[in-house]
């Protein structure tokens, strides 16, 4: 059976490009998460680019560690990190092997399997909020560190697959500063989103965390 054009899996070549090309090109693509309870599909509506050694905001800015090793390639793999002691965030590795760059998946519209996402996102007031923000997206898709290193370009049955979907025309793509990034990395307009889409998360500037006394 020949897959419909929008159901064609993205190849590794798609991800083997500079991160600032890949990031906006992910908007409108479909992410399929295979869970034990059934698949959940998400149309990507907001992402952020992180450019490794050229980017103080990147986890890989200071080099390779056990935590960020997946970012060094190959492209097309999933990088998952745990933050603030409570949330997971999901990224897609891109660029050539050895150059650690990735795209944080910030928000999306659940297009299939919403009943499964709702079970994990009980606090969502409506379906537009199921994956509205990177931690919410990961929670809705049942993403944790066990997916770190998963191949999104792998064979059928992989836990994460990216499909062609419907790419967004450039005139419908907005860009601006990344959310919550401080210092020199905070000035880059490397957050990309579909203009006027209700699932896009609100922008928040970096707020320093206060240490308890």
Protein backbone atom coordinates (compact mmCIF):
# COMPACT_ATOMS: atom_id res chain seq x y z
CA UNK A 1 0.00 0.00 0.00
CA UNK A 2 1.31 3.45 -0.93
CA UNK A 3 1.16 5.97 1.91
CA UNK A 4 -0.72 9.22 1.39
CA UNK A 5 1.67 12.15 0.80
CA UNK A 6 1.05 13.61 4.25
CA UNK A 7 1.66 10.17 5.85
CA UNK A 8 5.10 9.68 4.31
CA UNK A 9 7.82 9.38 7.01
CA UNK A 10 10.48 12.06 7.05
CA UNK A 11 13.90 10.69 6.15
CA UNK A 12 17.18 11.22 7.93
CA UNK A 13 18.21 13.66 5.21
CA UNK A 14 15.45 15.99 6.42
CA UNK A 15 17.20 16.28 9.79
CA UNK A 16 20.74 16.30 8.39
CA UNK A 17 20.62 20.07 7.78
CA UNK A 18 21.47 23.21 9.78
CA UNK A 19 19.18 23.55 12.79
CA UNK A 20 17.82 26.93 11.65
CA UNK A 21 16.57 25.27 8.47
CA UNK A 22 15.07 22.26 10.19
CA UNK A 23 13.28 24.07 13.02
CA UNK A 24 10.75 26.16 11.03
CA UNK A 25 10.36 23.29 8.55
CA UNK A 26 9.04 21.07 11.37
CA UNK A 27 5.92 23.23 11.74
CA UNK A 28 2.89 21.43 10.39
CA UNK A 29 4.61 18.04 10.45
CA UNK A 30 2.96 15.11 12.22
CA UNK A 31 4.59 13.37 15.16
CA UNK A 32 3.30 9.86 15.87
CA UNK A 33 3.96 8.47 19.34
CA UNK A 34 3.36 4.74 19.64
CA UNK A 35 2.34 3.96 23.24
CA UNK A 36 1.33 0.62 24.79
CA UNK A 37 -2.26 1.94 24.85
CA UNK A 38 -2.29 3.06 21.22
CA UNK A 39 -0.90 5.84 19.01
CA UNK A 40 -1.11 9.57 19.66
CA UNK A 41 -0.59 12.00 16.79
CA UNK A 42 0.46 15.61 17.11
CA UNK A 43 0.67 18.41 14.55
CA UNK A 44 3.68 20.52 15.51
CA UNK A 45 2.86 24.22 15.97
CA UNK A 46 5.80 25.64 17.97
CA UNK A 47 9.51 24.77 18.20
CA UNK A 48 12.84 26.23 19.35
CA UNK A 49 16.26 25.78 17.76
CA UNK A 50 19.46 25.15 19.77
CA UNK A 51 22.78 25.37 17.93
CA UNK A 52 25.32 23.59 20.10
CA UNK A 53 28.77 25.22 20.27
CA UNK A 54 27.47 28.48 18.78
CA UNK A 55 24.67 28.81 21.31
CA UNK A 56 25.11 29.59 25.04
CA UNK A 57 21.51 28.45 25.55
CA UNK A 58 22.24 24.92 24.33
CA UNK A 59 22.89 21.96 26.63
CA UNK A 60 25.82 21.08 24.36
CA UNK A 61 27.47 24.51 24.46
CA UNK A 62 30.26 23.34 26.79
CA UNK A 63 30.79 19.96 25.16
CA UNK A 64 29.69 16.38 25.40
CA UNK A 65 28.34 14.88 28.62
CA UNK A 66 26.41 11.73 29.51
CA UNK A 67 23.24 13.82 29.58
CA UNK A 68 23.56 15.41 26.13
CA UNK A 69 25.39 12.64 24.23
CA UNK A 70 22.44 11.99 21.88
CA UNK A 71 22.71 15.57 20.58
CA UNK A 72 26.01 14.69 18.87
CA UNK A 73 24.20 12.53 16.33
CA UNK A 74 23.22 10.84 14.20
CA UNK A 75 20.45 13.25 13.20
CA UNK A 76 16.83 12.18 13.42
CA UNK A 77 17.10 10.84 16.95
CA UNK A 78 15.14 11.93 20.02
CA UNK A 79 16.87 13.81 22.84
CA UNK A 80 14.91 13.85 26.11
CA UNK A 81 15.99 15.72 29.22
CA UNK A 82 14.55 16.08 32.72
CA UNK A 83 14.21 19.58 34.12
CA UNK A 84 13.29 21.27 37.40
CA UNK A 85 13.13 17.86 39.02
CA UNK A 86 9.68 17.16 37.59
CA UNK A 87 9.31 17.63 33.80
CA UNK A 88 10.59 15.96 30.66
CA UNK A 89 11.17 17.84 27.41
CA UNK A 90 11.47 16.34 23.93
CA UNK A 91 13.90 17.40 21.20
CA UNK A 92 14.83 16.20 17.72
CA UNK A 93 18.54 16.04 16.85
CA UNK A 94 19.59 17.59 13.54
CA UNK A 95 22.72 18.58 11.64
CA UNK A 96 25.75 16.42 10.79
CA UNK A 97 27.19 13.87 13.19
CA UNK A 98 29.49 15.53 15.72
CA UNK A 99 27.79 18.92 15.58
CA UNK A 100 25.33 18.94 18.50
CA UNK A 101 22.17 20.79 17.55
CA UNK A 102 18.53 20.08 18.16
CA UNK A 103 14.98 21.37 18.07
CA UNK A 104 12.88 21.56 21.22
CA UNK A 105 9.25 20.62 20.54
CA UNK A 106 7.31 23.32 22.36
CA UNK A 107 3.67 22.83 21.36
CA UNK A 108 1.28 21.04 19.07
CA UNK A 109 -2.28 20.09 18.25
CA UNK A 110 -3.31 16.54 19.14
CA UNK A 111 -4.95 15.21 15.98
CA UNK A 112 -5.45 11.56 16.97
CA UNK A 113 -5.46 9.68 20.26
CA UNK A 114 -6.75 12.69 22.20
CA UNK A 115 -8.47 10.39 24.69
CA UNK A 116 -5.07 8.94 25.63
CA UNK A 117 -3.51 12.41 25.93
CA UNK A 118 -6.38 13.56 28.15
CA UNK A 119 -5.69 10.71 30.57
CA UNK A 120 -2.16 12.07 31.07
CA UNK A 121 -3.12 15.75 31.05
CA UNK A 122 -5.99 15.84 33.52
CA UNK A 123 -5.40 19.53 34.28
CA UNK A 124 -5.94 20.61 30.65
CA UNK A 125 -9.09 22.72 30.42
CA UNK A 126 -9.61 21.82 26.77
CA UNK A 127 -7.88 19.93 23.97
CA UNK A 128 -6.01 23.05 22.83
CA UNK A 129 -4.06 22.88 26.11
CA UNK A 130 -3.10 19.21 25.90
CA UNK A 131 0.34 19.95 24.39
CA UNK A 132 0.60 23.71 24.87
CA UNK A 133 4.17 23.99 26.17
CA UNK A 134 7.14 21.59 26.09
CA UNK A 135 6.48 19.83 29.41
CA UNK A 136 2.78 19.46 28.60
CA UNK A 137 3.65 18.09 25.16
CA UNK A 138 5.97 15.48 26.65
CA UNK A 139 3.41 14.53 29.30
CA UNK A 140 0.60 14.20 26.76
CA UNK A 141 2.77 11.93 24.60
CA UNK A 142 4.02 9.81 27.53
CA UNK A 143 7.64 10.88 26.96
CA UNK A 144 10.35 10.22 29.52
CA UNK A 145 14.07 9.45 29.54
CA UNK A 146 13.44 5.95 28.26
CA UNK A 147 12.93 7.56 24.83
CA UNK A 148 16.30 9.34 24.90
CA UNK A 149 18.12 8.15 21.78
CA UNK A 150 15.04 6.71 20.06
CA UNK A 151 15.33 6.81 16.27
CA UNK A 152 12.52 8.93 14.79
CA UNK A 153 13.62 7.72 11.34
CA UNK A 154 13.56 4.08 12.34
CA UNK A 155 11.52 1.17 11.02
CA UNK A 156 7.76 0.82 11.32
CA UNK A 157 6.81 0.35 14.94
CA UNK A 158 9.36 2.81 16.31
CA UNK A 159 8.13 4.64 19.44
CA UNK A 160 8.39 8.01 17.65
CA UNK A 161 7.91 8.73 13.94
CA UNK A 162 7.75 12.03 12.04
CA UNK A 163 5.45 12.23 9.01
CA UNK A 164 5.37 14.82 6.22
CA UNK A 165 2.07 16.32 7.30
CA UNK A 166 1.26 19.70 5.79
CA UNK A 167 4.27 22.06 5.81
CA UNK A 168 3.47 25.65 6.78
CA UNK A 169 4.04 28.41 4.19
CA UNK A 170 6.81 30.84 5.25
CA UNK A 171 4.38 33.75 5.47
CA UNK A 172 2.49 31.90 8.23
CA UNK A 173 5.59 31.29 10.36
CA UNK A 174 6.43 33.74 13.14
CA UNK A 175 9.72 33.91 15.04
CA UNK A 176 11.00 35.55 18.19
CA UNK A 177 13.17 35.10 21.30
CA UNK A 178 13.24 31.70 22.93
CA UNK A 179 11.19 31.25 26.07
CA UNK A 180 13.00 31.37 29.40
CA UNK A 181 16.53 31.50 27.96
CA UNK A 182 18.91 33.82 29.80
CA UNK A 183 22.20 35.57 29.02
CA UNK A 184 23.71 35.77 25.56
CA UNK A 185 21.53 32.89 24.36
CA UNK A 186 18.37 34.78 25.20
CA UNK A 187 18.66 37.24 22.32
CA UNK A 188 18.38 34.74 19.47
CA UNK A 189 15.02 34.82 17.64
CA UNK A 190 15.10 31.04 17.34
CA UNK A 191 11.58 30.22 18.50
CA UNK A 192 9.28 29.50 15.55
CA UNK A 193 5.52 29.07 15.63
CA UNK A 194 2.45 29.00 13.41
CA UNK A 195 0.96 32.50 13.52
CA UNK A 196 -2.36 32.75 15.36
CA UNK A 197 -2.50 29.06 16.19
CA UNK A 198 -4.39 28.54 19.49
CA UNK A 199 -2.12 25.71 20.67
CA UNK A 200 1.04 27.87 20.73
CA UNK A 201 2.34 28.55 24.24
CA UNK A 202 2.63 32.10 25.63
CA UNK A 203 6.06 33.73 25.54
CA UNK A 204 7.81 34.16 28.89
CA UNK A 205 11.14 35.90 29.35
CA UNK A 206 13.73 34.30 31.60
CA UNK A 207 13.06 34.82 35.31
CA UNK A 208 16.00 34.02 37.63
CA UNK A 209 15.19 31.32 40.16
CA UNK A 210 15.35 32.52 43.73
CA UNK A 211 17.36 30.47 46.16
CA UNK A 212 15.80 29.82 49.52
CA UNK A 213 17.64 31.33 52.47
